[in-house]
Amino acid sequence: MSNIDEAPFAFPGLDRAFHEKARLGIVSSLCGHAEGLLFSELKQLCGLTDGNLSRHLQVLEQAGYLLIEKTNAGRRSQTRCRLSGEGQARFTDYLRELEEVLRRAAAHQLPGGPALVS
């Protein structure tokens, strides 16, 4: 018996680095921007404070999913963040697993409950 048969709702493919509200927002924001986004842009898009965003970026960078580039623009330094190749691939895997979560939940929903997946 495989592990999936023993624990079909364990979802081991839900990578904890992505499966957190703020980090999910960060990575989702970066998906459509191959050139990356500035720290200030991510902060605004995700509604995070400087410190909170910094900590979540650190987690993603340590996992190898994010590349952080610091440059100087005049007198100000700028921080640009973008997904690494591994980050893109692992996030795609994560989204596939999340789709499986939705399929299984929809298959087991209570009669008369709201439809989860159409």
PDB file of N, CA and C in Angstrom:
ATOM      1  N   MET A   1       0.838  -1.169   0.000  1.00  0.00           N
ATOM      2  CA  MET A   1       0.000   0.000   0.000  1.00  0.00           C
ATOM      3  C   MET A   1       0.889   1.239   0.000  1.00  0.00           C
ATOM      4  N   SER A   2       0.627   2.165  -0.902  1.00  0.00           N
ATOM      5  CA  SER A   2       1.450   3.374  -0.980  1.00  0.00           C
ATOM      6  C   SER A   2       1.014   4.371   0.086  1.00  0.00           C
ATOM      7  N   ASN A   3       1.884   5.338   0.340  1.00  0.00           N
ATOM      8  CA  ASN A   3       1.600   6.374   1.331  1.00  0.00           C
ATOM      9  C   ASN A   3       0.333   7.147   0.965  1.00  0.00           C
ATOM     10  N   ILE A   4       0.096   7.369  -0.332  1.00  0.00           N
ATOM     11  CA  ILE A   4      -1.089   8.096  -0.782  1.00  0.00           C
ATOM     12  C   ILE A   4      -2.356   7.325  -0.428  1.00  0.00           C
ATOM     13  N   ASP A   5      -2.289   5.971  -0.464  1.00  0.00           N
ATOM     14  CA  ASP A   5      -3.440   5.159  -0.094  1.00  0.00           C
ATOM     15  C   ASP A   5      -3.696   5.235   1.414  1.00  0.00           C
ATOM     16  N   GLU A   6      -2.642   5.315   2.193  1.00  0.00           N
ATOM     17  CA  GLU A   6      -2.767   5.366   3.646  1.00  0.00           C
ATOM     18  C   GLU A   6      -3.234   6.733   4.136  1.00  0.00           C
ATOM     19  N   ALA A   7      -2.810   7.790   3.470  1.00  0.00           N
ATOM     20  CA  ALA A   7      -3.141   9.156   3.890  1.00  0.00           C
ATOM     21  C   ALA A   7      -3.470  10.003   2.660  1.00  0.00           C
ATOM     22  N   PRO A   8      -4.630   9.761   2.050  1.00  0.00           N
ATOM     23  CA  PRO A   8      -4.942  10.446   0.788  1.00  0.00           C
ATOM     24  C   PRO A   8      -5.129  11.954   0.915  1.00  0.00           C
ATOM     25  N   PHE A   9      -5.279  12.456   2.131  1.00  0.00           N
ATOM     26  CA  PHE A   9      -5.450  13.891   2.315  1.00  0.00           C
ATOM     27  C   PHE A   9      -4.246  14.537   3.006  1.00  0.00           C
ATOM     28  N   ALA A  10      -3.087  13.899   2.933  1.00  0.00           N
ATOM     29  CA  ALA A  10      -1.865  14.452   3.522  1.00  0.00           C
ATOM     30  C   ALA A  10      -1.232  15.508   2.610  1.00  0.00           C
ATOM     31  N   PHE A  11      -1.389  15.365   1.310  1.00  0.00           N
ATOM     32  CA  PHE A  11      -0.891  16.313   0.309  1.00  0.00           C
ATOM     33  C   PHE A  11       0.566  16.711   0.514  1.00  0.00           C
ATOM     34  N   PRO A  12       1.476  15.755   0.374  1.00  0.00           N
ATOM     35  CA  PRO A  12       2.892  16.052   0.592  1.00  0.00           C
ATOM     36  C   PRO A  12       3.470  17.041  -0.420  1.00  0.00           C
ATOM     37  N   GLY A  13       2.811  17.260  -1.551  1.00  0.00           N
ATOM     38  CA  GLY A  13       3.309  18.189  -2.558  1.00  0.00           C
ATOM     39  C   GLY A  13       3.027  19.647  -2.249  1.00  0.00           C
ATOM     40  N   LEU A  14       2.326  19.927  -1.153  1.00  0.00           N
ATOM     41  CA  LEU A  14       2.082  21.322  -0.780  1.00  0.00           C
ATOM     42  C   LEU A  14       3.300  21.852  -0.035  1.00  0.00           C
ATOM     43  N   ASP A  15       4.210  22.401  -0.803  1.00  0.00           N
ATOM     44  CA  ASP A  15       5.483  22.914  -0.294  1.00  0.00           C
ATOM     45  C   ASP A  15       5.228  24.027   0.723  1.00  0.00           C
ATOM     46  N   ARG A  16       5.730  23.853   1.922  1.00  0.00           N
ATOM     47  CA  ARG A  16       5.502  24.821   3.005  1.00  0.00           C
ATOM     48  C   ARG A  16       6.082  26.199   2.685  1.00  0.00           C
ATOM     49  N   ALA A  17       7.084  26.248   1.846  1.00  0.00           N
ATOM     50  CA  ALA A  17       7.648  27.554   1.481  1.00  0.00           C
ATOM     51  C   ALA A  17       6.624  28.391   0.725  1.00  0.00           C
ATOM     52  N   PHE A  18       5.748  27.747  -0.033  1.00  0.00           N
ATOM     53  CA  PHE A  18       4.711  28.464  -0.783  1.00  0.00           C
ATOM     54  C   PHE A  18       3.396  28.524  -0.015  1.00  0.00           C
ATOM     55  N   HIS A  19       3.158  27.526   0.815  1.00  0.00           N
ATOM     56  CA  HIS A  19       1.839  27.354   1.425  1.00  0.00           C
ATOM     57  C   HIS A  19       1.688  28.213   2.680  1.00  0.00           C
ATOM     58  N   GLU A  20       1.827  29.477   2.502  1.00  0.00           N
ATOM     59  CA  GLU A  20       1.650  30.487   3.535  1.00  0.00           C
ATOM     60  C   GLU A  20       1.104  31.694   2.800  1.00  0.00           C
ATOM     61  N   LYS A  21       0.103  32.323   3.348  1.00  0.00           N
ATOM     62  CA  LYS A  21      -0.634  33.370   2.648  1.00  0.00           C
ATOM     63  C   LYS A  21       0.266  34.442   2.019  1.00  0.00           C
ATOM     64  N   ALA A  22       1.171  35.012   2.784  1.00  0.00           N
ATOM     65  CA  ALA A  22       2.021  36.085   2.263  1.00  0.00           C
ATOM     66  C   ALA A  22       2.944  35.574   1.164  1.00  0.00           C
ATOM     67  N   ARG A  23       3.561  34.402   1.381  1.00  0.00           N
ATOM     68  CA  ARG A  23       4.482  33.871   0.363  1.00  0.00           C
ATOM     69  C   ARG A  23       3.735  33.452  -0.893  1.00  0.00           C
ATOM     70  N   LEU A  24       2.532  32.946  -0.731  1.00  0.00           N
ATOM     71  CA  LEU A  24       1.715  32.608  -1.896  1.00  0.00           C
ATOM     72  C   LEU A  24       1.436  33.871  -2.709  1.00  0.00           C
ATOM     73  N   GLY A  25       1.150  34.965  -2.031  1.00  0.00           N
ATOM     74  CA  GLY A  25       0.935  36.241  -2.721  1.00  0.00           C
ATOM     75  C   GLY A  25       2.186  36.734  -3.423  1.00  0.00           C
ATOM     76  N   ILE A  26       3.314  36.617  -2.761  1.00  0.00           N
ATOM     77  CA  ILE A  26       4.584  37.066  -3.341  1.00  0.00           C
ATOM     78  C   ILE A  26       4.895  36.282  -4.613  1.00  0.00           C
ATOM     79  N   VAL A  27       4.849  34.971  -4.515  1.00  0.00           N
ATOM     80  CA  VAL A  27       5.203  34.121  -5.663  1.00  0.00           C
ATOM     81  C   VAL A  27       4.192  34.292  -6.788  1.00  0.00           C
ATOM     82  N   SER A  28       2.913  34.401  -6.444  1.00  0.00           N
ATOM     83  CA  SER A  28       1.892  34.617  -7.473  1.00  0.00           C
ATOM     84  C   SER A  28       2.128  35.943  -8.191  1.00  0.00           C
ATOM     85  N   SER A  29       2.525  36.964  -7.443  1.00  0.00           N
ATOM     86  CA  SER A  29       2.825  38.273  -8.044  1.00  0.00           C
ATOM     87  C   SER A  29       4.003  38.182  -9.007  1.00  0.00           C
ATOM     88  N   LEU A  30       4.997  37.391  -8.632  1.00  0.00           N
ATOM     89  CA  LEU A  30       6.211  37.291  -9.453  1.00  0.00           C
ATOM     90  C   LEU A  30       6.028  36.419 -10.695  1.00  0.00           C
ATOM     91  N   CYS A  31       5.042  35.547 -10.692  1.00  0.00           N
ATOM     92  CA  CYS A  31       4.841  34.619 -11.817  1.00  0.00           C
ATOM     93  C   CYS A  31       4.735  35.314 -13.170  1.00  0.00           C
ATOM     94  N   GLY A  32       4.061  36.425 -13.204  1.00  0.00           N
ATOM     95  CA  GLY A  32       3.855  37.111 -14.477  1.00  0.00           C
ATOM     96  C   GLY A  32       4.910  38.145 -14.798  1.00  0.00           C
ATOM     97  N   HIS A  33       5.998  38.158 -14.053  1.00  0.00           N
ATOM     98  CA  HIS A  33       7.040  39.164 -14.244  1.00  0.00           C
ATOM     99  C   HIS A  33       8.407  38.497 -14.294  1.00  0.00           C
ATOM    100  N   ALA A  34       8.786  38.030 -15.461  1.00  0.00           N
ATOM    101  CA  ALA A  34      10.068  37.335 -15.622  1.00  0.00           C
ATOM    102  C   ALA A  34      11.245  38.213 -15.215  1.00  0.00           C
ATOM    103  N   GLU A  35      11.102  39.530 -15.400  1.00  0.00           N
ATOM    104  CA  GLU A  35      12.182  40.454 -15.039  1.00  0.00           C
ATOM    105  C   GLU A  35      12.175  40.763 -13.546  1.00  0.00           C
ATOM    106  N   GLY A  36      11.153  40.295 -12.850  1.00  0.00           N
ATOM    107  CA  GLY A  36      11.047  40.497 -11.415  1.00  0.00           C
ATOM    108  C   GLY A  36      10.275  41.757 -11.076  1.00  0.00           C
ATOM    109  N   LEU A  37      10.150  41.996  -9.788  1.00  0.00           N
ATOM    110  CA  LEU A  37       9.480  43.188  -9.278  1.00  0.00           C
ATOM    111  C   LEU A  37      10.351  43.814  -8.199  1.00  0.00           C
ATOM    112  N   LEU A  38      10.226  45.113  -8.068  1.00  0.00           N
ATOM    113  CA  LEU A  38      10.941  45.816  -7.017  1.00  0.00           C
ATOM    114  C   LEU A  38      10.298  45.515  -5.668  1.00  0.00           C
ATOM    115  N   PHE A  39      11.099  45.611  -4.628  1.00  0.00           N
ATOM    116  CA  PHE A  39      10.630  45.392  -3.264  1.00  0.00           C
ATOM    117  C   PHE A  39       9.389  46.236  -2.995  1.00  0.00           C
ATOM    118  N   SER A  40       9.434  47.505  -3.375  1.00  0.00           N
ATOM    119  CA  SER A  40       8.314  48.417  -3.127  1.00  0.00           C
ATOM    120  C   SER A  40       7.057  47.977  -3.879  1.00  0.00           C
ATOM    121  N   GLU A  41       7.229  47.430  -5.077  1.00  0.00           N
ATOM    122  CA  GLU A  41       6.080  46.935  -5.837  1.00  0.00           C
ATOM    123  C   GLU A  41       5.453  45.719  -5.153  1.00  0.00           C
ATOM    124  N   LEU A  42       6.308  44.793  -4.712  1.00  0.00           N
ATOM    125  CA  LEU A  42       5.811  43.607  -4.001  1.00  0.00           C
ATOM    126  C   LEU A  42       5.115  44.000  -2.701  1.00  0.00           C
ATOM    127  N   LYS A  43       5.701  44.938  -2.014  1.00  0.00           N
ATOM    128  CA  LYS A  43       5.121  45.404  -0.750  1.00  0.00           C
ATOM    129  C   LYS A  43       3.702  45.916  -0.981  1.00  0.00           C
ATOM    130  N   GLN A  44       3.521  46.706  -2.021  1.00  0.00           N
ATOM    131  CA  GLN A  44       2.199  47.255  -2.328  1.00  0.00           C
ATOM    132  C   GLN A  44       1.246  46.167  -2.814  1.00  0.00           C
ATOM    133  N   LEU A  45       1.696  45.321  -3.740  1.00  0.00           N
ATOM    134  CA  LEU A  45       0.838  44.277  -4.301  1.00  0.00           C
ATOM    135  C   LEU A  45       0.346  43.289  -3.236  1.00  0.00           C
ATOM    136  N   CYS A  46       1.193  43.003  -2.263  1.00  0.00           N
ATOM    137  CA  CYS A  46       0.874  41.976  -1.268  1.00  0.00           C
ATOM    138  C   CYS A  46       0.383  42.548   0.061  1.00  0.00           C
ATOM    139  N   GLY A  47       0.423  43.882   0.207  1.00  0.00           N
ATOM    140  CA  GLY A  47      -0.058  44.505   1.432  1.00  0.00           C
ATOM    141  C   GLY A  47       0.745  44.121   2.659  1.00  0.00           C
ATOM    142  N   LEU A  48       2.072  44.097   2.516  1.00  0.00           N
ATOM    143  CA  LEU A  48       2.947  43.689   3.615  1.00  0.00           C
ATOM    144  C   LEU A  48       3.794  44.858   4.097  1.00  0.00           C
ATOM    145  N   THR A  49       4.258  44.766   5.327  1.00  0.00           N
ATOM    146  CA  THR A  49       5.190  45.759   5.855  1.00  0.00           C
ATOM    147  C   THR A  49       6.591  45.418   5.349  1.00  0.00           C
ATOM    148  N   ASP A  50       7.513  46.357   5.486  1.00  0.00           N
ATOM    149  CA  ASP A  50       8.904  46.123   5.073  1.00  0.00           C
ATOM    150  C   ASP A  50       9.476  44.880   5.752  1.00  0.00           C
ATOM    151  N   GLY A  51       9.334  44.827   7.067  1.00  0.00           N
ATOM    152  CA  GLY A  51       9.907  43.710   7.822  1.00  0.00           C
ATOM    153  C   GLY A  51       9.270  42.375   7.478  1.00  0.00           C
ATOM    154  N   ASN A  52       7.957  42.372   7.338  1.00  0.00           N
ATOM    155  CA  ASN A  52       7.256  41.141   7.014  1.00  0.00           C
ATOM    156  C   ASN A  52       7.665  40.648   5.633  1.00  0.00           C
ATOM    157  N   LEU A  53       7.676  41.552   4.652  1.00  0.00           N
ATOM    158  CA  LEU A  53       8.081  41.170   3.300  1.00  0.00           C
ATOM    159  C   LEU A  53       9.520  40.667   3.296  1.00  0.00           C
ATOM    160  N   SER A  54      10.407  41.349   3.991  1.00  0.00           N
ATOM    161  CA  SER A  54      11.814  40.930   4.041  1.00  0.00           C
ATOM    162  C   SER A  54      11.947  39.508   4.561  1.00  0.00           C
ATOM    163  N   ARG A  55      11.223  39.201   5.613  1.00  0.00           N
ATOM    164  CA  ARG A  55      11.313  37.855   6.201  1.00  0.00           C
ATOM    165  C   ARG A  55      10.805  36.790   5.235  1.00  0.00           C
ATOM    166  N   HIS A  56       9.690  37.046   4.564  1.00  0.00           N
ATOM    167  CA  HIS A  56       9.149  36.070   3.618  1.00  0.00           C
ATOM    168  C   HIS A  56      10.061  35.907   2.404  1.00  0.00           C
ATOM    169  N   LEU A  57      10.665  36.992   1.953  1.00  0.00           N
ATOM    170  CA  LEU A  57      11.613  36.899   0.843  1.00  0.00           C
ATOM    171  C   LEU A  57      12.817  36.060   1.245  1.00  0.00           C
ATOM    172  N   GLN A  58      13.261  36.219   2.471  1.00  0.00           N
ATOM    173  CA  GLN A  58      14.399  35.448   2.981  1.00  0.00           C
ATOM    174  C   GLN A  58      14.087  33.947   2.963  1.00  0.00           C
ATOM    175  N   VAL A  59      12.897  33.572   3.381  1.00  0.00           N
ATOM    176  CA  VAL A  59      12.499  32.154   3.375  1.00  0.00           C
ATOM    177  C   VAL A  59      12.520  31.601   1.949  1.00  0.00           C
ATOM    178  N   LEU A  60      11.969  32.352   1.015  1.00  0.00           N
ATOM    179  CA  LEU A  60      11.926  31.905  -0.379  1.00  0.00           C
ATOM    180  C   LEU A  60      13.322  31.855  -0.999  1.00  0.00           C
ATOM    181  N   GLU A  61      14.168  32.819  -0.654  1.00  0.00           N
ATOM    182  CA  GLU A  61      15.534  32.828  -1.171  1.00  0.00           C
ATOM    183  C   GLU A  61      16.322  31.646  -0.614  1.00  0.00           C
ATOM    184  N   GLN A  62      16.200  31.370   0.674  1.00  0.00           N
ATOM    185  CA  GLN A  62      16.914  30.252   1.287  1.00  0.00           C
ATOM    186  C   GLN A  62      16.478  28.910   0.706  1.00  0.00           C
ATOM    187  N   ALA A  63      15.222  28.826   0.273  1.00  0.00           N
ATOM    188  CA  ALA A  63      14.719  27.597  -0.355  1.00  0.00           C
ATOM    189  C   ALA A  63      15.232  27.463  -1.793  1.00  0.00           C
ATOM    190  N   GLY A  64      15.838  28.526  -2.329  1.00  0.00           N
ATOM    191  CA  GLY A  64      16.341  28.502  -3.703  1.00  0.00           C
ATOM    192  C   GLY A  64      15.294  28.876  -4.731  1.00  0.00           C
ATOM    193  N   TYR A  65      14.167  29.421  -4.282  1.00  0.00           N
ATOM    194  CA  TYR A  65      13.055  29.731  -5.174  1.00  0.00           C
ATOM    195  C   TYR A  65      13.048  31.168  -5.662  1.00  0.00           C
ATOM    196  N   LEU A  66      13.884  31.994  -5.071  1.00  0.00           N
ATOM    197  CA  LEU A  66      13.855  33.415  -5.360  1.00  0.00           C
ATOM    198  C   LEU A  66      15.266  33.940  -5.541  1.00  0.00           C
ATOM    199  N   LEU A  67      15.423  34.862  -6.478  1.00  0.00           N
ATOM    200  CA  LEU A  67      16.689  35.557  -6.676  1.00  0.00           C
ATOM    201  C   LEU A  67      16.481  37.010  -6.274  1.00  0.00           C
ATOM    202  N   ILE A  68      17.366  37.536  -5.446  1.00  0.00           N
ATOM    203  CA  ILE A  68      17.268  38.913  -4.986  1.00  0.00           C
ATOM    204  C   ILE A  68      18.494  39.667  -5.468  1.00  0.00           C
ATOM    205  N   GLU A  69      18.248  40.752  -6.192  1.00  0.00           N
ATOM    206  CA  GLU A  69      19.336  41.561  -6.749  1.00  0.00           C
ATOM    207  C   GLU A  69      19.229  42.962  -6.178  1.00  0.00           C
ATOM    208  N   LYS A  70      20.322  43.442  -5.616  1.00  0.00           N
ATOM    209  CA  LYS A  70      20.356  44.796  -5.061  1.00  0.00           C
ATOM    210  C   LYS A  70      21.224  45.661  -5.966  1.00  0.00           C
ATOM    211  N   THR A  71      20.653  46.788  -6.360  1.00  0.00           N
ATOM    212  CA  THR A  71      21.370  47.727  -7.222  1.00  0.00           C
ATOM    213  C   THR A  71      21.197  49.139  -6.663  1.00  0.00           C
ATOM    214  N   ASN A  72      21.989  50.055  -7.182  1.00  0.00           N
ATOM    215  CA  ASN A  72      21.858  51.459  -6.811  1.00  0.00           C
ATOM    216  C   ASN A  72      21.244  52.215  -7.972  1.00  0.00           C
ATOM    217  N   ALA A  73      20.227  52.993  -7.672  1.00  0.00           N
ATOM    218  CA  ALA A  73      19.589  53.866  -8.656  1.00  0.00           C
ATOM    219  C   ALA A  73      19.729  55.287  -8.117  1.00  0.00           C
ATOM    220  N   GLY A  74      20.788  55.945  -8.579  1.00  0.00           N
ATOM    221  CA  GLY A  74      21.079  57.268  -8.031  1.00  0.00           C
ATOM    222  C   GLY A  74      21.554  57.130  -6.598  1.00  0.00           C
ATOM    223  N   ARG A  75      20.891  57.818  -5.691  1.00  0.00           N
ATOM    224  CA  ARG A  75      21.265  57.750  -4.278  1.00  0.00           C
ATOM    225  C   ARG A  75      20.544  56.632  -3.529  1.00  0.00           C
ATOM    226  N   ARG A  76      19.605  56.016  -4.175  1.00  0.00           N
ATOM    227  CA  ARG A  76      18.799  54.991  -3.500  1.00  0.00           C
ATOM    228  C   ARG A  76      19.175  53.600  -3.991  1.00  0.00           C
ATOM    229  N   SER A  77      19.157  52.681  -3.066  1.00  0.00           N
ATOM    230  CA  SER A  77      19.364  51.290  -3.468  1.00  0.00           C
ATOM    231  C   SER A  77      17.999  50.692  -3.790  1.00  0.00           C
ATOM    232  N   GLN A  78      17.992  49.769  -4.721  1.00  0.00           N
ATOM    233  CA  GLN A  78      16.761  49.096  -5.109  1.00  0.00           C
ATOM    234  C   GLN A  78      16.964  47.592  -4.981  1.00  0.00           C
ATOM    235  N   THR A  79      15.932  46.940  -4.529  1.00  0.00           N
ATOM    236  CA  THR A  79      15.952  45.491  -4.406  1.00  0.00           C
ATOM    237  C   THR A  79      14.934  44.933  -5.387  1.00  0.00           C
ATOM    238  N   ARG A  80      15.415  44.090  -6.306  1.00  0.00           N
ATOM    239  CA  ARG A  80      14.540  43.449  -7.293  1.00  0.00           C
ATOM    240  C   ARG A  80      14.504  41.965  -6.981  1.00  0.00           C
ATOM    241  N   CYS A  81      13.305  41.417  -7.008  1.00  0.00           N
ATOM    242  CA  CYS A  81      13.101  40.004  -6.711  1.00  0.00           C
ATOM    243  C   CYS A  81      12.491  39.322  -7.925  1.00  0.00           C
ATOM    244  N   ARG A  82      12.969  38.113  -8.188  1.00  0.00           N
ATOM    245  CA  ARG A  82      12.364  37.320  -9.261  1.00  0.00           C
ATOM    246  C   ARG A  82      12.487  35.852  -8.919  1.00  0.00           C
ATOM    247  N   LEU A  83      11.591  35.074  -9.514  1.00  0.00           N
ATOM    248  CA  LEU A  83      11.629  33.641  -9.282  1.00  0.00           C
ATOM    249  C   LEU A  83      12.822  33.021  -9.975  1.00  0.00           C
ATOM    250  N   SER A  84      13.456  32.082  -9.325  1.00  0.00           N
ATOM    251  CA  SER A  84      14.529  31.314  -9.967  1.00  0.00           C
ATOM    252  C   SER A  84      13.872  30.254 -10.854  1.00  0.00           C
ATOM    253  N   GLY A  85      14.658  29.606 -11.689  1.00  0.00           N
ATOM    254  CA  GLY A  85      14.131  28.509 -12.500  1.00  0.00           C
ATOM    255  C   GLY A  85      13.538  27.414 -11.630  1.00  0.00           C
ATOM    256  N   GLU A  86      14.236  27.094 -10.534  1.00  0.00           N
ATOM    257  CA  GLU A  86      13.729  26.085  -9.612  1.00  0.00           C
ATOM    258  C   GLU A  86      12.440  26.562  -8.950  1.00  0.00           C
ATOM    259  N   GLY A  87      12.390  27.841  -8.610  1.00  0.00           N
ATOM    260  CA  GLY A  87      11.186  28.396  -7.995  1.00  0.00           C
ATOM    261  C   GLY A  87       9.983  28.299  -8.918  1.00  0.00           C
ATOM    262  N   GLN A  88      10.196  28.596 -10.195  1.00  0.00           N
ATOM    263  CA  GLN A  88       9.110  28.493 -11.169  1.00  0.00           C
ATOM    264  C   GLN A  88       8.622  27.056 -11.287  1.00  0.00           C
ATOM    265  N   ALA A  89       9.561  26.123 -11.383  1.00  0.00           N
ATOM    266  CA  ALA A  89       9.196  24.713 -11.533  1.00  0.00           C
ATOM    267  C   ALA A  89       8.480  24.187 -10.289  1.00  0.00           C
ATOM    268  N   ARG A  90       9.020  24.512  -9.117  1.00  0.00           N
ATOM    269  CA  ARG A  90       8.408  24.025  -7.875  1.00  0.00           C
ATOM    270  C   ARG A  90       7.048  24.660  -7.627  1.00  0.00           C
ATOM    271  N   PHE A  91       6.861  25.924  -8.031  1.00  0.00           N
ATOM    272  CA  PHE A  91       5.559  26.564  -7.848  1.00  0.00           C
ATOM    273  C   PHE A  91       4.535  25.933  -8.786  1.00  0.00           C
ATOM    274  N   THR A  92       4.946  25.567  -9.984  1.00  0.00           N
ATOM    275  CA  THR A  92       4.050  24.856 -10.897  1.00  0.00           C
ATOM    276  C   THR A  92       3.631  23.529 -10.278  1.00  0.00           C
ATOM    277  N   ASP A  93       4.575  22.805  -9.683  1.00  0.00           N
ATOM    278  CA  ASP A  93       4.255  21.550  -8.991  1.00  0.00           C
ATOM    279  C   ASP A  93       3.288  21.807  -7.837  1.00  0.00           C
ATOM    280  N   TYR A  94       3.533  22.855  -7.094  1.00  0.00           N
ATOM    281  CA  TYR A  94       2.676  23.217  -5.967  1.00  0.00           C
ATOM    282  C   TYR A  94       1.243  23.474  -6.447  1.00  0.00           C
ATOM    283  N   LEU A  95       1.105  24.215  -7.549  1.00  0.00           N
ATOM    284  CA  LEU A  95      -0.232  24.517  -8.076  1.00  0.00           C
ATOM    285  C   LEU A  95      -0.953  23.257  -8.534  1.00  0.00           C
ATOM    286  N   ARG A  96      -0.224  22.321  -9.116  1.00  0.00           N
ATOM    287  CA  ARG A  96      -0.835  21.044  -9.495  1.00  0.00           C
ATOM    288  C   ARG A  96      -1.357  20.304  -8.266  1.00  0.00           C
ATOM    289  N   GLU A  97      -0.571  20.299  -7.206  1.00  0.00           N
ATOM    290  CA  GLU A  97      -0.995  19.637  -5.966  1.00  0.00           C
ATOM    291  C   GLU A  97      -2.209  20.347  -5.372  1.00  0.00           C
ATOM    292  N   LEU A  98      -2.230  21.664  -5.443  1.00  0.00           N
ATOM    293  CA  LEU A  98      -3.357  22.422  -4.926  1.00  0.00           C
ATOM    294  C   LEU A  98      -4.626  22.106  -5.722  1.00  0.00           C
ATOM    295  N   GLU A  99      -4.487  21.933  -7.030  1.00  0.00           N
ATOM    296  CA  GLU A  99      -5.628  21.519  -7.850  1.00  0.00           C
ATOM    297  C   GLU A  99      -6.150  20.153  -7.394  1.00  0.00           C
ATOM    298  N   GLU A 100      -5.245  19.268  -7.029  1.00  0.00           N
ATOM    299  CA  GLU A 100      -5.642  17.945  -6.531  1.00  0.00           C
ATOM    300  C   GLU A 100      -6.385  18.074  -5.204  1.00  0.00           C
ATOM    301  N   VAL A 101      -5.949  18.971  -4.358  1.00  0.00           N
ATOM    302  CA  VAL A 101      -6.647  19.228  -3.097  1.00  0.00           C
ATOM    303  C   VAL A 101      -8.096  19.619  -3.393  1.00  0.00           C
ATOM    304  N   LEU A 102      -8.274  20.536  -4.328  1.00  0.00           N
ATOM    305  CA  LEU A 102      -9.625  20.997  -4.681  1.00  0.00           C
ATOM    306  C   LEU A 102     -10.472  19.872  -5.263  1.00  0.00           C
ATOM    307  N   ARG A 103      -9.870  19.050  -6.130  1.00  0.00           N
ATOM    308  CA  ARG A 103     -10.619  17.922  -6.721  1.00  0.00           C
ATOM    309  C   ARG A 103     -11.083  16.950  -5.642  1.00  0.00           C
ATOM    310  N   ARG A 104     -10.185  16.614  -4.745  1.00  0.00           N
ATOM    311  CA  ARG A 104     -10.550  15.656  -3.687  1.00  0.00           C
ATOM    312  C   ARG A 104     -11.583  16.241  -2.736  1.00  0.00           C
ATOM    313  N   ALA A 105     -11.426  17.503  -2.395  1.00  0.00           N
ATOM    314  CA  ALA A 105     -12.391  18.139  -1.502  1.00  0.00           C
ATOM    315  C   ALA A 105     -13.766  18.190  -2.165  1.00  0.00           C
ATOM    316  N   ALA A 106     -13.807  18.511  -3.454  1.00  0.00           N
ATOM    317  CA  ALA A 106     -15.077  18.564  -4.174  1.00  0.00           C
ATOM    318  C   ALA A 106     -15.724  17.187  -4.240  1.00  0.00           C
ATOM    319  N   ALA A 107     -14.926  16.166  -4.395  1.00  0.00           N
ATOM    320  CA  ALA A 107     -15.455  14.800  -4.472  1.00  0.00           C
ATOM    321  C   ALA A 107     -16.008  14.329  -3.135  1.00  0.00           C
ATOM    322  N   HIS A 108     -15.558  14.939  -2.058  1.00  0.00           N
ATOM    323  CA  HIS A 108     -15.995  14.516  -0.723  1.00  0.00           C
ATOM    324  C   HIS A 108     -16.868  15.539  -0.024  1.00  0.00           C
ATOM    325  N   GLN A 109     -17.342  16.538  -0.749  1.00  0.00           N
ATOM    326  CA  GLN A 109     -18.159  17.563  -0.087  1.00  0.00           C
ATOM    327  C   GLN A 109     -19.501  16.988   0.334  1.00  0.00           C
ATOM    328  N   LEU A 110     -20.076  17.589   1.313  1.00  0.00           N
ATOM    329  CA  LEU A 110     -21.366  17.143   1.815  1.00  0.00           C
ATOM    330  C   LEU A 110     -22.466  17.489   0.819  1.00  0.00           C
ATOM    331  N   PRO A 111     -23.480  16.643   0.704  1.00  0.00           N
ATOM    332  CA  PRO A 111     -24.606  16.941  -0.183  1.00  0.00           C
ATOM    333  C   PRO A 111     -25.237  18.271   0.203  1.00  0.00           C
ATOM    334  N   GLY A 112     -25.541  19.070  -0.805  1.00  0.00           N
ATOM    335  CA  GLY A 112     -26.167  20.360  -0.568  1.00  0.00           C
ATOM    336  C   GLY A 112     -25.198  21.472  -0.212  1.00  0.00           C
ATOM    337  N   GLY A 113     -23.917  21.122  -0.050  1.00  0.00           N
ATOM    338  CA  GLY A 113     -22.917  22.140   0.259  1.00  0.00           C
ATOM    339  C   GLY A 113     -22.540  22.912  -0.996  1.00  0.00           C
ATOM    340  N   PRO A 114     -21.840  24.013  -0.839  1.00  0.00           N
ATOM    341  CA  PRO A 114     -21.446  24.804  -2.014  1.00  0.00           C
ATOM    342  C   PRO A 114     -20.453  24.025  -2.879  1.00  0.00           C
ATOM    343  N   ALA A 115     -20.603  24.187  -4.184  1.00  0.00           N
ATOM    344  CA  ALA A 115     -19.698  23.523  -5.123  1.00  0.00           C
ATOM    345  C   ALA A 115     -18.328  24.170  -5.021  1.00  0.00           C
ATOM    346  N   LEU A 116     -17.287  23.341  -4.893  1.00  0.00           N
ATOM    347  CA  LEU A 116     -15.923  23.862  -4.801  1.00  0.00           C
ATOM    348  C   LEU A 116     -15.285  24.011  -6.173  1.00  0.00           C
ATOM    349  N   VAL A 117     -15.587  23.103  -7.063  1.00  0.00           N
ATOM    350  CA  VAL A 117     -14.983  23.106  -8.394  1.00  0.00           C
ATOM    351  C   VAL A 117     -16.102  22.849  -9.400  1.00  0.00           C
ATOM    352  N   SER A 118     -16.142  23.648 -10.454  1.00  0.00           N
ATOM    353  CA  SER A 118     -17.175  23.433 -11.454  1.00  0.00           C
ATOM    354  C   SER A 118     -16.675  22.578 -12.592  1.00  0.00           C
TER     355      SER A 118
END
